[in-house]
Protein backbone atom coordinates (compact mmCIF):
# COMPACT_ATOMS: atom_id res chain seq x y z
CA UNK A 1 254.71 177.96 236.71
CA UNK A 2 254.06 174.57 238.82
CA UNK A 3 251.54 171.93 237.46
CA UNK A 4 250.64 168.70 237.99
CA UNK A 5 252.29 165.92 235.63
CA UNK A 6 250.40 164.84 233.03
CA UNK A 7 248.82 160.94 233.21
CA UNK A 8 249.12 158.83 230.62
CA UNK A 9 246.38 158.27 228.39
CA UNK A 10 245.80 155.17 226.46
CA UNK A 11 244.64 157.16 223.07
CA UNK A 12 244.29 161.00 223.32
CA UNK A 13 245.15 164.79 222.70
CA UNK A 14 245.56 167.75 224.79
CA UNK A 15 246.24 170.71 223.45
CA UNK A 16 248.33 173.19 225.92
CA UNK A 17 248.31 176.50 223.83
CA UNK A 18 249.25 178.00 220.82
CA UNK A 19 250.26 175.31 218.57
CA UNK A 20 251.52 172.89 221.05
CA UNK A 21 249.62 169.12 221.31
CA UNK A 22 250.61 166.28 223.14
CA UNK A 23 249.54 162.90 221.41
CA UNK A 24 249.66 159.56 223.78
CA UNK A 25 249.08 156.77 221.45
CA UNK A 26 249.88 152.91 220.90
CA UNK A 27 251.77 153.63 224.37
CA UNK A 28 253.74 156.32 222.80
CA UNK A 29 254.10 159.90 224.11
CA UNK A 30 254.35 162.66 221.37
CA UNK A 31 254.77 166.35 221.74
CA UNK A 32 253.90 168.00 218.37
CA UNK A 33 255.61 172.05 218.16
CA UNK A 34 256.54 172.57 221.31
CA UNK A 35 256.47 175.82 222.95
CA UNK A 36 257.45 176.33 226.35
CA UNK A 37 258.14 180.25 226.86
CA UNK A 38 256.71 182.45 228.84
CA UNK A 39 254.44 185.45 227.43
CA UNK A 40 256.73 187.79 226.13
CA UNK A 41 258.57 189.01 222.87
CA UNK A 42 259.78 186.84 220.46
CA UNK A 43 261.57 189.30 217.54
CA UNK A 44 258.57 190.69 215.06
CA UNK A 45 256.71 188.10 217.15
CA UNK A 46 255.10 188.83 220.67
CA UNK A 47 253.44 185.41 222.86
CA UNK A 48 250.53 186.53 224.81
CA UNK A 49 250.46 183.46 226.81
CA UNK A 50 252.14 180.43 228.20
CA UNK A 51 251.00 176.85 228.30
CA UNK A 52 248.84 175.04 230.44
CA UNK A 53 251.49 172.75 230.85
CA UNK A 54 255.34 172.75 231.25
CA UNK A 55 257.83 170.44 230.24
CA UNK A 56 258.30 168.92 233.66
CA UNK A 57 255.24 167.72 233.68
CA UNK A 58 254.89 165.96 230.85
CA UNK A 59 257.50 163.29 231.90
CA UNK A 60 259.31 160.54 229.88
CA UNK A 61 258.19 161.42 225.75
CA UNK A 62 259.14 159.54 222.84
CA UNK A 63 259.14 161.77 220.17
CA UNK A 64 258.56 165.19 218.81
CA UNK A 65 257.18 166.31 216.13
CA UNK A 66 258.33 170.14 214.47
CA UNK A 67 256.32 170.91 211.60
CA UNK A 68 259.03 174.33 210.79
CA UNK A 69 262.32 175.38 213.43
CA UNK A 70 262.16 179.14 212.34
CA UNK A 71 259.31 180.35 213.95
CA UNK A 72 258.78 180.95 217.64
CA UNK A 73 255.39 180.36 217.67
CA UNK A 74 255.61 176.59 216.53
CA UNK A 75 259.93 176.25 218.19
CA UNK A 76 260.06 178.58 221.21
CA UNK A 77 263.48 178.49 222.55
CA UNK A 78 262.20 176.13 225.89
CA UNK A 79 260.16 174.09 223.25
CA UNK A 80 263.82 173.86 220.75
CA UNK A 81 265.91 172.96 224.60
CA UNK A 82 262.70 170.24 225.00
CA UNK A 83 263.26 168.91 221.06
CA UNK A 84 266.78 168.91 221.35
CA UNK A 85 266.70 166.89 224.51
CA UNK A 86 264.17 164.23 223.18
CA UNK A 87 264.87 160.80 222.09
CA UNK A 88 263.53 161.65 218.67
CA UNK A 89 262.43 164.47 216.40
CA UNK A 90 260.83 163.80 213.19
CA UNK A 91 260.58 167.22 211.04
CA UNK A 92 261.31 168.44 207.41
CA UNK A 93 264.77 167.84 205.73
CA UNK A 94 265.73 171.43 206.07
CA UNK A 95 264.97 171.70 209.26
CA UNK A 96 266.90 168.43 210.83
CA UNK A 97 270.04 169.74 209.33
CA UNK A 98 269.50 172.73 211.61
CA UNK A 99 268.24 171.28 214.38
CA UNK A 100 270.77 168.16 214.15
CA UNK A 101 270.71 164.70 215.96
CA UNK A 102 268.06 163.70 217.23
CA UNK A 103 265.98 164.83 214.10
CA UNK A 104 265.46 162.90 211.20
CA UNK A 105 264.06 164.61 207.98
CA UNK A 106 261.35 163.31 206.19
CA UNK A 107 260.37 164.86 202.27
CA UNK A 108 256.56 164.64 201.98
CA UNK A 109 255.36 161.27 201.20
CA UNK A 110 258.17 159.53 203.16
CA UNK A 111 258.05 157.59 206.35
CA UNK A 112 259.45 156.85 209.69
CA UNK A 113 258.85 153.94 211.63
CA UNK A 114 259.08 153.95 215.65
CA UNK A 115 258.53 150.75 218.13
CA UNK A 116 255.14 151.29 219.70
CA UNK A 117 254.91 151.34 224.15
CA UNK A 118 251.81 148.90 224.15
CA UNK A 119 254.00 145.89 222.21
CA UNK A 120 251.70 146.10 219.46
CA UNK A 121 254.25 146.13 216.41
CA UNK A 122 255.29 150.30 214.96
CA UNK A 123 253.50 153.15 214.44
CA UNK A 124 254.28 155.00 211.31
CA UNK A 125 255.07 158.35 210.78
CA UNK A 126 253.92 159.77 207.44
CA UNK A 127 255.53 163.51 206.24
CA UNK A 128 252.45 165.15 204.37
CA UNK A 129 253.23 168.48 202.52
CA UNK A 130 252.15 172.06 203.67
CA UNK A 131 251.75 175.62 202.58
CA UNK A 132 252.39 178.06 204.99
CA UNK A 133 250.84 181.25 203.32
CA UNK A 134 249.16 182.02 199.84
CA UNK A 135 248.61 179.50 197.04
CA UNK A 136 250.23 182.68 195.08
CA UNK A 137 252.98 183.38 197.55
CA UNK A 138 256.27 183.70 196.33
CA UNK A 139 258.38 180.62 196.70
CA UNK A 140 261.78 180.40 197.65
CA UNK A 141 264.80 178.77 195.97
CA UNK A 142 263.89 175.76 197.94
CA UNK A 143 260.16 175.96 196.45
CA UNK A 144 258.64 177.08 199.72
CA UNK A 145 255.96 179.39 200.70
CA UNK A 146 257.51 181.11 203.82
CA UNK A 147 259.06 178.41 204.58
CA UNK A 148 259.55 174.49 204.86
CA UNK A 149 256.76 173.03 206.64
CA UNK A 150 255.87 169.83 207.32
CA UNK A 151 252.48 168.04 208.28
CA UNK A 152 252.21 164.15 209.65
CA UNK A 153 250.23 161.42 209.62
CA UNK A 154 250.26 158.92 212.21
CA UNK A 155 249.07 155.09 211.84
CA UNK A 156 249.20 151.96 212.84
CA UNK A 157 247.44 148.52 213.76
CA UNK A 158 244.16 149.25 215.78
CA UNK A 159 244.97 153.26 216.26
CA UNK A 160 242.95 155.64 214.95
CA UNK A 161 244.50 157.54 211.91
CA UNK A 162 245.43 161.21 212.71
CA UNK A 163 246.17 164.00 210.77
CA UNK A 164 248.86 166.89 212.02
CA UNK A 165 248.38 170.03 209.59
CA UNK A 166 250.75 171.78 210.71
CA UNK A 167 250.70 175.51 209.78
CA UNK A 168 249.17 174.66 206.39
CA UNK A 169 246.92 177.50 204.87
CA UNK A 170 246.03 175.84 201.71
CA UNK A 171 242.98 173.55 201.37
CA UNK A 172 244.40 172.34 197.78
CA UNK A 173 247.41 170.70 199.78
CA UNK A 174 244.65 169.43 202.31
CA UNK A 175 242.62 167.57 199.02
CA UNK A 176 245.78 166.03 197.64
CA UNK A 177 246.26 164.51 201.15
CA UNK A 178 243.06 163.22 201.50
CA UNK A 179 242.85 161.38 197.71
CA UNK A 180 245.93 159.80 198.83
CA UNK A 181 244.84 159.23 202.45
CA UNK A 182 241.35 158.73 202.23
CA UNK A 183 240.46 157.57 205.89
CA UNK A 184 241.25 160.31 207.94
CA UNK A 185 240.02 159.48 211.65
CA UNK A 186 240.68 162.73 213.34
CA UNK A 187 242.11 165.97 212.34
CA UNK A 188 244.62 167.94 214.12
CA UNK A 189 244.15 171.46 212.55
CA UNK A 190 246.48 174.73 212.88
CA UNK A 191 243.67 177.37 212.76
CA UNK A 192 244.25 180.98 214.37
CA UNK A 193 244.75 182.82 210.57
CA UNK A 194 248.00 184.21 211.27
CA UNK A 195 248.64 187.09 209.65
CA UNK A 196 252.53 189.65 210.03
CA UNK A 197 251.97 192.36 208.01
CA UNK A 198 255.10 192.46 205.59
CA UNK A 199 254.09 188.98 204.63
CA UNK A 200 252.31 188.33 201.51
CA UNK A 201 250.22 191.67 202.10
CA UNK A 202 249.08 190.69 205.73
CA UNK A 203 247.23 187.55 204.06
CA UNK A 204 246.40 184.65 206.59
CA UNK A 205 249.59 182.34 206.98
CA UNK A 206 247.16 179.64 208.35
CA UNK A 207 243.86 178.67 208.25
CA UNK A 208 241.09 181.15 209.20
CA UNK A 209 238.07 179.51 210.31
CA UNK A 210 236.36 179.15 206.92
CA UNK A 211 239.36 177.27 205.47
CA UNK A 212 239.68 175.13 208.05
CA UNK A 213 236.17 173.77 207.90
CA UNK A 214 236.46 173.55 204.06
CA UNK A 215 239.64 171.21 204.83
CA UNK A 216 237.27 169.28 207.54
CA UNK A 217 234.61 168.75 204.88
CA UNK A 218 237.43 167.47 202.13
CA UNK A 219 239.08 165.39 204.97
CA UNK A 220 236.20 163.61 206.30
CA UNK A 221 237.24 162.68 209.76
CA UNK A 222 235.20 161.62 212.92
CA UNK A 223 236.98 164.35 215.00
CA UNK A 224 238.75 167.66 214.41
CA UNK A 225 240.77 169.11 217.41
CA UNK A 226 241.92 172.49 216.88
CA UNK A 227 245.20 174.17 218.03
CA UNK A 228 247.30 177.36 217.46
CA UNK A 229 244.48 179.91 217.65
CA UNK A 230 245.65 181.38 220.74
CA UNK A 231 248.70 182.57 222.84
CA UNK A 232 250.22 184.58 220.10
CA UNK A 233 249.31 188.24 219.53
CA UNK A 234 249.44 187.56 215.22
CA UNK A 235 246.86 185.30 215.82
CA UNK A 236 243.64 187.11 214.00
CA UNK A 237 241.01 184.65 214.44
CA UNK A 238 240.04 183.08 217.88
CA UNK A 239 238.37 180.02 219.04
CA UNK A 240 234.95 181.58 218.51
CA UNK A 241 235.84 182.52 215.41
CA UNK A 242 236.77 178.78 214.57
CA UNK A 243 233.58 177.62 216.08
CA UNK A 244 231.03 180.20 214.18
CA UNK A 245 232.91 178.86 210.82
CA UNK A 246 232.38 175.36 211.83
CA UNK A 247 229.07 175.76 212.62
CA UNK A 248 227.90 177.69 209.70
CA UNK A 249 229.30 174.75 207.36
CA UNK A 250 226.73 172.39 209.47
CA UNK A 251 230.21 171.09 211.00
CA UNK A 252 229.94 171.53 214.39
CA UNK A 253 229.60 167.61 215.48
CA UNK A 254 233.21 167.18 214.56
CA UNK A 255 235.17 169.98 216.75
CA UNK A 256 236.45 169.21 219.72
CA UNK A 257 237.61 172.11 221.41
CA UNK A 258 238.13 171.48 225.53
CA UNK A 259 239.93 173.50 227.71
CA UNK A 260 244.15 173.65 226.99
CA UNK A 261 245.68 170.35 229.36
CA UNK A 262 242.02 168.49 229.35
CA UNK A 263 241.99 165.21 227.34
CA UNK A 264 240.31 164.02 224.37
CA UNK A 265 239.44 160.35 223.89
CA UNK A 266 240.17 159.10 220.48
CA UNK A 267 238.47 156.13 218.92
CA UNK A 268 239.18 154.48 215.80
């Protein structure tokens, strides 16, 4: 697939499909949860659509954020190769150990500073918790539901503060984040109500529409950008479900669901 190169933006986000987003912020180009494979089977999961732009269309990048490395809907084969070739990857500690350099592993509430490309100091990347399944789901030996998943908060002087949920299904976890970080400007929320019958009796592993709307109400950002609601067969809700949930919650004015590959400009 040949796609035109995505020109650099001053401060904007575009979702490419699935969980993958490109964030231009502070003179940096950041890619979250890269998935660039064509449609097809990935073990017990099936990808139904490729991305709106390929790796080559993104040009030089500065940072890749990986919420978790164990599920192909968040890091498929070409996405993994893309991350491994990046100058810097930030993820959770277990994922970083598996990925190896250039990955840096951050535990929840730890942060890493990245030199900005606009000459205005640093961008701070803060790791925040996520729960990849029901609150009462069995925990693994490391204390995680399903697996280790990391969310992120990006911030810096003169920039909007951006929350990236990763694959989180817990409104309680969002409330914890909001209490510590009350000034979120933009929320990039993974939705789609992902379900796998063999896991947790088929209960959602990510936000459904109602929980995504509840998370938005708790965070109270100026803007919500949805991701992770299409492109894979195990997503049980699509954009229409998400839009309906935000409408019923009276939060439609927050939701920006631009076509994949189209930029949404951000303001502080």
